């Protein structure tokens, strides 16, 4: 099976070995059916391209509403699981790419702490934010897969540090139906839950808040929202500044390691997309993110300053909010908190929370600090068991 990020430029390339997570899945006895489609280049070619589109397989469709956004970039991973084509699929997330498609396709997605699962062999955007996680129809399935793929891989240095977070006995021990009891859940209403009164979203989440309280959780609402917003406020998109340079470095390094490849650099891919613009739909969807990344020259002063700002945002934002209010998790609808989690390398779990008036699913996200997967699993599983919202889609193969 070719590893191409949905691009024709990498068709025919040969990788030196299985990805680290694939090696672990095979060892656990998994039967690998194939590769899922995705938003081409993990949606990092140009913002004009729609979620779920790539040159290799065309446009992925949401099985709940064929005209609805399947979200991305792990669109095909979510679609395949939602449509019952597979029991589990893996997704990668740099910023929202597991959480958003999981929300839009009524499945469970776990975005692990960065480094908890190996990224070795995965086409990168930035090692600082990239993470691989399971996407399944139930929390229990996702947790069992997480147990299989989490852990040390010497081909990914980040797993050496993050392996300290893995509990003895694994994660399945935290699948507790009473996992909500005593948990403190942060609720930033004006930032994340600002819905019109009487809307389907407002009514659904109010019901869910009641369910969480009935399960023994404490919803903490009197939080300093302005302080949280100020921590992430900036006139400069520091994430993009850092990511453009990181992407070029990481992708070029990945391409150089391939046994066989028609392209060996980001510059080569840009040239390919220009030469085969009809096949890659470059005229309509562009490749501006590629061009911006190619214009960088390593991690210079500007990028270092951006990285310092991103670290400060995380310290003054989510970390301070959680510690000062003794929170176990932060709640958010859909994947609204994905950028907050991305900047700090934090984990999140999304669980089905309902369907809008057109039948399009939406989820609720439980987010925490690094290594908080055990607590997130307890809360997500207890919520899922108390609500059991997911229903099969009307469209299947």
Protein backbone atom coordinates (compact mmCIF):
# COMPACT_ATOMS: atom_id res chain seq x y z
CA UNK A 1 0.00 0.00 0.00
CA UNK A 2 1.40 3.36 -1.00
CA UNK A 3 1.82 6.09 1.59
CA UNK A 4 1.00 9.27 -0.33
CA UNK A 5 -0.96 11.73 1.87
CA UNK A 6 -3.54 11.58 -0.92
CA UNK A 7 -1.15 13.15 -3.42
CA UNK A 8 -0.24 11.78 -6.83
CA UNK A 9 3.27 13.14 -6.30
CA UNK A 10 4.10 10.27 -3.95
CA UNK A 11 2.43 7.53 -5.95
CA UNK A 12 4.96 4.73 -6.36
CA UNK A 13 7.08 5.78 -3.41
CA UNK A 14 8.42 3.03 -1.15
CA UNK A 15 8.82 3.48 2.61
CA UNK A 16 11.75 1.90 4.48
CA UNK A 17 9.53 0.20 7.06
CA UNK A 18 6.04 0.11 8.54
CA UNK A 19 5.02 3.11 10.62
CA UNK A 20 5.64 2.61 14.33
CA UNK A 21 1.94 2.41 15.16
CA UNK A 22 1.37 -0.11 12.36
CA UNK A 23 4.11 -2.34 13.75
CA UNK A 24 2.38 -2.26 17.13
CA UNK A 25 -1.02 -3.02 15.57
CA UNK A 26 0.36 -6.02 13.70
CA UNK A 27 1.98 -7.28 16.91
CA UNK A 28 -1.40 -6.99 18.65
CA UNK A 29 -3.01 -9.12 15.91
CA UNK A 30 -4.82 -6.41 13.96
CA UNK A 31 -5.96 -7.16 10.41
CA UNK A 32 -5.14 -4.17 8.24
CA UNK A 33 -7.75 -3.73 5.52
CA UNK A 34 -6.27 -0.74 3.74
CA UNK A 35 -5.55 2.96 3.86
CA UNK A 36 -8.21 5.60 4.32
CA UNK A 37 -8.59 8.69 2.20
CA UNK A 38 -7.90 12.11 3.73
CA UNK A 39 -7.74 15.80 3.07
CA UNK A 40 -4.68 15.92 0.82
CA UNK A 41 -1.42 16.55 2.67
CA UNK A 42 -3.42 16.60 5.91
CA UNK A 43 -5.08 19.80 4.68
CA UNK A 44 -1.76 21.62 4.62
CA UNK A 45 -1.51 22.38 0.90
CA UNK A 46 -3.95 25.29 0.70
CA UNK A 47 -6.94 26.41 2.76
CA UNK A 48 -9.11 26.59 -0.37
CA UNK A 49 -9.31 22.81 -0.73
CA UNK A 50 -12.43 21.29 0.87
CA UNK A 51 -12.12 18.85 3.75
CA UNK A 52 -12.04 15.27 2.55
CA UNK A 53 -10.68 15.99 -0.93
CA UNK A 54 -7.48 14.55 -2.34
CA UNK A 55 -6.24 13.94 -5.87
CA UNK A 56 -5.92 10.18 -5.37
CA UNK A 57 -9.49 9.45 -4.33
CA UNK A 58 -11.58 12.56 -4.88
CA UNK A 59 -14.08 13.94 -2.40
CA UNK A 60 -14.92 11.98 0.74
CA UNK A 61 -18.58 12.11 1.75
CA UNK A 62 -20.17 12.38 5.18
CA UNK A 63 -22.32 9.21 5.53
CA UNK A 64 -24.91 11.07 7.61
CA UNK A 65 -25.48 13.79 5.04
CA UNK A 66 -23.68 13.51 1.72
CA UNK A 67 -23.60 17.29 1.26
CA UNK A 68 -22.26 17.96 4.76
CA UNK A 69 -18.64 18.64 5.66
CA UNK A 70 -16.89 15.41 6.70
CA UNK A 71 -14.19 17.62 8.24
CA UNK A 72 -10.54 16.72 8.18
CA UNK A 73 -7.87 16.04 7.74
CA UNK A 74 -8.57 12.46 8.86
CA UNK A 75 -11.80 12.48 6.86
CA UNK A 76 -11.57 8.99 5.40
CA UNK A 77 -10.62 7.51 8.75
CA UNK A 78 -13.80 8.89 10.29
CA UNK A 79 -16.01 8.05 7.29
CA UNK A 80 -14.81 4.44 7.12
CA UNK A 81 -15.54 3.82 10.79
CA UNK A 82 -18.86 5.68 10.78
CA UNK A 83 -20.05 3.76 7.70
CA UNK A 84 -19.10 0.43 9.29
CA UNK A 85 -16.35 -0.30 6.76
CA UNK A 86 -13.89 -0.95 9.59
CA UNK A 87 -13.96 -1.34 13.35
CA UNK A 88 -11.12 1.10 13.84
CA UNK A 89 -9.08 3.54 11.85
CA UNK A 90 -6.12 5.66 12.81
CA UNK A 91 -6.06 9.40 12.32
CA UNK A 92 -3.39 12.01 12.75
CA UNK A 93 -3.90 15.40 14.30
CA UNK A 94 -1.83 18.54 14.11
CA UNK A 95 -4.73 20.85 14.87
CA UNK A 96 -8.24 19.36 14.86
CA UNK A 97 -7.72 16.52 12.39
CA UNK A 98 -8.93 13.72 14.68
CA UNK A 99 -11.38 15.67 16.81
CA UNK A 100 -13.24 17.47 14.01
CA UNK A 101 -13.95 14.51 11.67
CA UNK A 102 -14.87 12.39 14.70
CA UNK A 103 -17.39 15.03 15.74
CA UNK A 104 -18.88 15.40 12.25
CA UNK A 105 -19.20 11.64 11.69
CA UNK A 106 -20.56 10.52 15.09
CA UNK A 107 -17.58 8.49 16.22
CA UNK A 108 -15.17 8.52 19.14
CA UNK A 109 -11.76 10.04 18.50
CA UNK A 110 -8.81 10.12 20.86
CA UNK A 111 -6.17 12.78 20.26
CA UNK A 112 -3.34 11.55 22.51
CA UNK A 113 -0.71 13.61 24.26
CA UNK A 114 2.00 14.35 21.69
CA UNK A 115 4.56 11.54 21.89
CA UNK A 116 2.26 9.03 23.57
CA UNK A 117 2.00 7.27 20.20
CA UNK A 118 4.78 7.07 17.64
CA UNK A 119 4.79 9.32 14.58
CA UNK A 120 7.65 7.40 12.94
CA UNK A 121 6.69 6.64 9.34
CA UNK A 122 3.84 9.16 9.35
CA UNK A 123 4.03 11.94 6.76
CA UNK A 124 4.61 14.96 9.02
CA UNK A 125 3.48 18.52 9.40
CA UNK A 126 5.27 19.36 12.63
CA UNK A 127 6.70 16.95 15.23
CA UNK A 128 5.83 19.56 17.87
CA UNK A 129 2.08 19.02 17.36
CA UNK A 130 1.59 15.83 15.30
CA UNK A 131 -0.04 12.90 17.08
CA UNK A 132 -1.64 9.61 16.00
CA UNK A 133 -4.84 8.37 17.61
CA UNK A 134 -7.65 5.81 17.29
CA UNK A 135 -11.03 6.57 15.75
CA UNK A 136 -13.77 4.05 16.60
CA UNK A 137 -17.50 3.76 17.15
CA UNK A 138 -17.21 3.36 20.93
CA UNK A 139 -14.96 4.65 23.68
CA UNK A 140 -14.07 1.10 24.72
CA UNK A 141 -12.89 0.19 21.22
CA UNK A 142 -10.80 3.36 20.98
CA UNK A 143 -9.21 2.74 24.37
CA UNK A 144 -8.26 -0.84 23.51
CA UNK A 145 -6.60 0.43 20.33
CA UNK A 146 -4.81 3.15 22.30
CA UNK A 147 -3.41 0.44 24.57
CA UNK A 148 -2.07 -1.32 21.48
CA UNK A 149 -0.39 1.68 19.85
CA UNK A 150 0.88 3.74 22.80
CA UNK A 151 4.44 3.35 23.94
CA UNK A 152 8.11 3.61 23.23
CA UNK A 153 9.49 3.71 19.69
CA UNK A 154 13.16 4.56 19.30
CA UNK A 155 12.41 5.92 15.83
CA UNK A 156 10.44 8.73 17.50
CA UNK A 157 12.31 10.54 20.27
CA UNK A 158 9.12 12.10 21.65
CA UNK A 159 7.88 8.68 22.78
CA UNK A 160 10.84 8.36 25.17
CA UNK A 161 9.65 11.32 27.24
CA UNK A 162 5.92 10.68 26.86
CA UNK A 163 6.09 6.99 27.81
CA UNK A 164 6.20 8.11 31.46
CA UNK A 165 2.51 8.98 31.13
CA UNK A 166 1.42 5.42 30.30
CA UNK A 167 -0.12 3.80 33.40
CA UNK A 168 0.79 0.32 34.53
CA UNK A 169 -1.93 -2.01 33.32
CA UNK A 170 -2.78 0.23 30.38
CA UNK A 171 -5.80 2.39 29.70
CA UNK A 172 -8.65 -0.12 29.61
CA UNK A 173 -8.75 -0.17 33.43
CA UNK A 174 -10.24 3.34 33.26
CA UNK A 175 -13.38 2.23 31.41
CA UNK A 176 -15.57 2.84 34.46
CA UNK A 177 -19.32 3.52 34.22
CA UNK A 178 -19.07 5.72 37.32
CA UNK A 179 -16.07 7.68 36.12
CA UNK A 180 -17.82 11.06 36.42
CA UNK A 181 -18.05 10.96 40.20
CA UNK A 182 -16.13 13.81 41.80
CA UNK A 183 -14.65 15.10 38.55
CA UNK A 184 -14.34 18.87 38.10
CA UNK A 185 -15.23 19.94 34.56
CA UNK A 186 -14.40 23.45 33.38
CA UNK A 187 -17.10 25.22 31.39
CA UNK A 188 -16.22 28.39 29.45
CA UNK A 189 -19.74 29.27 28.31
CA UNK A 190 -19.06 32.56 26.53
CA UNK A 191 -16.05 31.21 24.67
CA UNK A 192 -17.18 27.76 23.58
CA UNK A 193 -20.91 27.36 24.33
CA UNK A 194 -22.35 30.63 22.96
CA UNK A 195 -25.40 29.23 21.14
CA UNK A 196 -28.70 30.93 20.36
CA UNK A 197 -31.33 30.26 23.02
CA UNK A 198 -33.57 27.40 21.97
CA UNK A 199 -31.20 26.15 19.29
CA UNK A 200 -30.67 22.43 18.93
CA UNK A 201 -27.09 22.86 20.16
CA UNK A 202 -28.07 24.89 23.24
CA UNK A 203 -30.73 22.36 24.23
CA UNK A 204 -28.49 19.35 23.60
CA UNK A 205 -25.58 20.63 25.64
CA UNK A 206 -27.79 21.74 28.53
CA UNK A 207 -29.11 18.17 28.67
CA UNK A 208 -25.54 16.90 28.63
CA UNK A 209 -24.55 19.24 31.45
CA UNK A 210 -27.40 17.79 33.51
CA UNK A 211 -26.26 14.26 32.68
CA UNK A 212 -22.72 15.07 33.77
CA UNK A 213 -23.98 16.50 37.06
CA UNK A 214 -26.24 13.52 37.65
CA UNK A 215 -23.21 11.28 37.21
CA UNK A 216 -21.47 13.07 40.05
CA UNK A 217 -19.38 15.61 38.16
CA UNK A 218 -19.00 19.21 39.27
CA UNK A 219 -19.32 21.76 36.48
CA UNK A 220 -17.13 24.75 37.29
CA UNK A 221 -18.52 27.82 35.55
CA UNK A 222 -17.22 30.89 37.38
CA UNK A 223 -13.98 30.97 35.44
CA UNK A 224 -12.00 34.00 34.32
CA UNK A 225 -12.81 33.81 30.62
CA UNK A 226 -11.19 37.13 29.76
CA UNK A 227 -7.91 35.95 31.29
CA UNK A 228 -8.07 32.74 29.25
CA UNK A 229 -8.78 34.63 26.03
CA UNK A 230 -6.00 37.12 26.72
CA UNK A 231 -3.49 34.29 27.04
CA UNK A 232 -4.13 33.22 23.45
CA UNK A 233 -4.72 36.66 21.97
CA UNK A 234 -2.14 37.92 19.50
CA UNK A 235 -1.89 39.96 16.32
CA UNK A 236 0.55 37.36 14.97
CA UNK A 237 -0.36 33.80 14.02
CA UNK A 238 2.57 32.24 15.87
CA UNK A 239 1.35 28.72 15.13
CA UNK A 240 1.62 29.30 11.38
CA UNK A 241 4.98 31.05 11.66
CA UNK A 242 6.48 28.07 13.46
CA UNK A 243 4.62 25.44 11.49
CA UNK A 244 5.66 26.66 8.05
CA UNK A 245 9.33 26.22 8.86
CA UNK A 246 8.79 23.00 10.79
CA UNK A 247 6.79 21.49 7.94
CA UNK A 248 9.48 22.11 5.34
CA UNK A 249 12.18 20.63 7.56
CA UNK A 250 10.11 17.61 8.63
CA UNK A 251 8.75 16.80 5.17
CA UNK A 252 12.14 17.08 3.47
CA UNK A 253 13.61 14.78 6.10
CA UNK A 254 10.78 12.25 5.57
CA UNK A 255 11.18 12.31 1.78
CA UNK A 256 14.93 11.76 1.96
CA UNK A 257 14.40 8.52 3.93
CA UNK A 258 12.14 6.93 1.32
CA UNK A 259 13.63 3.94 -0.49
CA UNK A 260 12.04 5.03 -3.76
CA UNK A 261 10.32 8.33 -4.46
CA UNK A 262 9.59 10.47 -7.52
CA UNK A 263 9.98 13.58 -5.29
CA UNK A 264 12.64 14.30 -2.68
CA UNK A 265 11.71 17.73 -1.35
CA UNK A 266 8.86 20.16 -0.85
CA UNK A 267 10.25 22.08 -3.81
CA UNK A 268 9.84 18.96 -5.96
CA UNK A 269 6.22 18.56 -4.85
CA UNK A 270 5.42 22.18 -5.69
CA UNK A 271 6.90 21.64 -9.15
CA UNK A 272 4.88 18.42 -9.57
CA UNK A 273 1.65 20.21 -8.65
CA UNK A 274 2.39 22.91 -11.23
CA UNK A 275 3.24 20.38 -13.94
CA UNK A 276 0.17 18.24 -13.26
CA UNK A 277 -2.17 21.02 -12.19
CA UNK A 278 -5.17 19.39 -13.88
CA UNK A 279 -4.73 16.16 -11.94
CA UNK A 280 -3.92 17.90 -8.66
CA UNK A 281 -6.57 20.60 -9.21
CA UNK A 282 -3.96 23.21 -8.37
CA UNK A 283 -5.70 26.00 -10.29
CA UNK A 284 -8.83 25.76 -8.14
CA UNK A 285 -7.40 24.62 -4.81
CA UNK A 286 -3.92 26.14 -5.00
CA UNK A 287 -0.87 25.31 -2.88
CA UNK A 288 -0.27 28.54 -0.98
CA UNK A 289 0.64 26.81 2.29
CA UNK A 290 3.32 24.88 0.41
CA UNK A 291 4.68 28.09 -1.09
CA UNK A 292 4.73 29.80 2.31
CA UNK A 293 6.58 26.85 3.82
CA UNK A 294 9.09 26.64 0.96
CA UNK A 295 9.93 30.32 1.48
CA UNK A 296 11.23 29.61 5.00
CA UNK A 297 14.85 28.91 5.81
CA UNK A 298 14.95 26.78 8.93
CA UNK A 299 14.26 27.80 12.52
CA UNK A 300 15.52 31.38 12.65
CA UNK A 301 14.92 34.26 15.03
CA UNK A 302 11.31 34.77 13.94
CA UNK A 303 10.47 31.09 14.38
CA UNK A 304 12.21 30.87 17.76
CA UNK A 305 10.22 33.85 19.00
CA UNK A 306 7.02 32.22 17.75
CA UNK A 307 7.85 29.01 19.61
CA UNK A 308 8.46 30.94 22.83
CA UNK A 309 5.12 32.72 22.43
CA UNK A 310 3.30 29.42 21.81
CA UNK A 311 4.79 27.91 24.97
CA UNK A 312 3.79 30.98 26.97
CA UNK A 313 0.26 30.84 25.58
CA UNK A 314 -0.12 27.28 26.83
CA UNK A 315 1.33 28.07 30.26
CA UNK A 316 -0.80 31.18 30.76
CA UNK A 317 -3.85 29.67 29.10
CA UNK A 318 -4.99 26.10 29.63
CA UNK A 319 -2.36 25.14 32.19
CA UNK A 320 -3.12 28.09 34.45
CA UNK A 321 -6.88 27.67 34.02
CA UNK A 322 -6.68 24.01 35.01
CA UNK A 323 -4.33 24.47 37.97
CA UNK A 324 -5.93 27.59 39.48
CA UNK A 325 -9.41 26.04 39.38
CA UNK A 326 -8.37 22.45 40.16
CA UNK A 327 -10.04 21.21 36.98
CA UNK A 328 -9.85 17.65 35.71
CA UNK A 329 -10.97 18.51 32.18
CA UNK A 330 -12.12 21.36 30.01
CA UNK A 331 -15.38 20.90 28.10
CA UNK A 332 -15.93 22.10 24.56
CA UNK A 333 -18.50 21.45 21.84
CA UNK A 334 -17.39 19.92 18.53
CA UNK A 335 -13.63 20.48 18.10
CA UNK A 336 -13.74 24.10 19.25
CA UNK A 337 -10.77 23.72 21.61
CA UNK A 338 -8.53 21.94 19.11
CA UNK A 339 -6.15 24.87 18.60
CA UNK A 340 -5.68 25.23 22.35
CA UNK A 341 -4.82 21.54 22.58
CA UNK A 342 -2.60 21.67 19.50
CA UNK A 343 -0.40 24.49 20.77
CA UNK A 344 0.41 22.64 23.99
CA UNK A 345 0.47 19.06 22.74
CA UNK A 346 -2.46 18.24 25.04
CA UNK A 347 -4.91 15.33 24.69
CA UNK A 348 -8.63 15.30 24.03
CA UNK A 349 -11.41 12.76 23.51
CA UNK A 350 -14.52 13.47 21.47
CA UNK A 351 -17.76 11.53 21.96
CA UNK A 352 -21.03 11.74 19.94
CA UNK A 353 -23.36 14.36 21.42
CA UNK A 354 -26.23 14.68 18.95
CA UNK A 355 -27.37 15.56 15.42
CA UNK A 356 -28.44 18.89 13.97
CA UNK A 357 -31.66 19.55 12.05
CA UNK A 358 -30.10 18.15 8.86
CA UNK A 359 -28.93 14.97 10.53
CA UNK A 360 -25.28 16.02 10.73
CA UNK A 361 -23.62 14.71 13.91
CA UNK A 362 -21.78 16.78 16.48
CA UNK A 363 -19.69 15.77 19.47
CA UNK A 364 -18.57 16.90 22.89
CA UNK A 365 -14.86 17.13 23.66
CA UNK A 366 -13.20 16.36 26.98
CA UNK A 367 -9.76 17.99 27.06
CA UNK A 368 -6.92 17.86 29.56
CA UNK A 369 -3.25 18.44 30.20
CA UNK A 370 -0.41 16.17 29.11
CA UNK A 371 -0.78 12.62 30.37
CA UNK A 372 -4.38 13.08 31.54
CA UNK A 373 -5.73 10.29 29.30
CA UNK A 374 -6.81 8.11 32.27
CA UNK A 375 -9.11 10.86 33.57
CA UNK A 376 -10.37 11.73 30.10
CA UNK A 377 -11.22 8.08 29.46
CA UNK A 378 -13.13 7.76 32.73
CA UNK A 379 -15.22 10.82 31.93
CA UNK A 380 -15.75 10.06 28.23
CA UNK A 381 -16.76 6.46 28.88
CA UNK A 382 -19.17 7.37 31.69
CA UNK A 383 -20.76 10.06 29.52
CA UNK A 384 -21.10 7.68 26.57
CA UNK A 385 -22.71 4.97 28.71
CA UNK A 386 -25.15 7.47 30.22
CA UNK A 387 -26.23 8.93 26.88
CA UNK A 388 -25.70 6.31 24.12
CA UNK A 389 -26.39 8.87 21.41
CA UNK A 390 -24.66 7.36 18.42
CA UNK A 391 -26.83 5.87 15.68
CA UNK A 392 -25.77 4.33 12.35
CA UNK A 393 -25.65 6.60 9.29
CA UNK A 394 -28.24 6.38 6.50
CA UNK A 395 -25.55 6.01 3.83
CA UNK A 396 -23.22 3.01 3.79
CA UNK A 397 -21.31 1.20 1.01
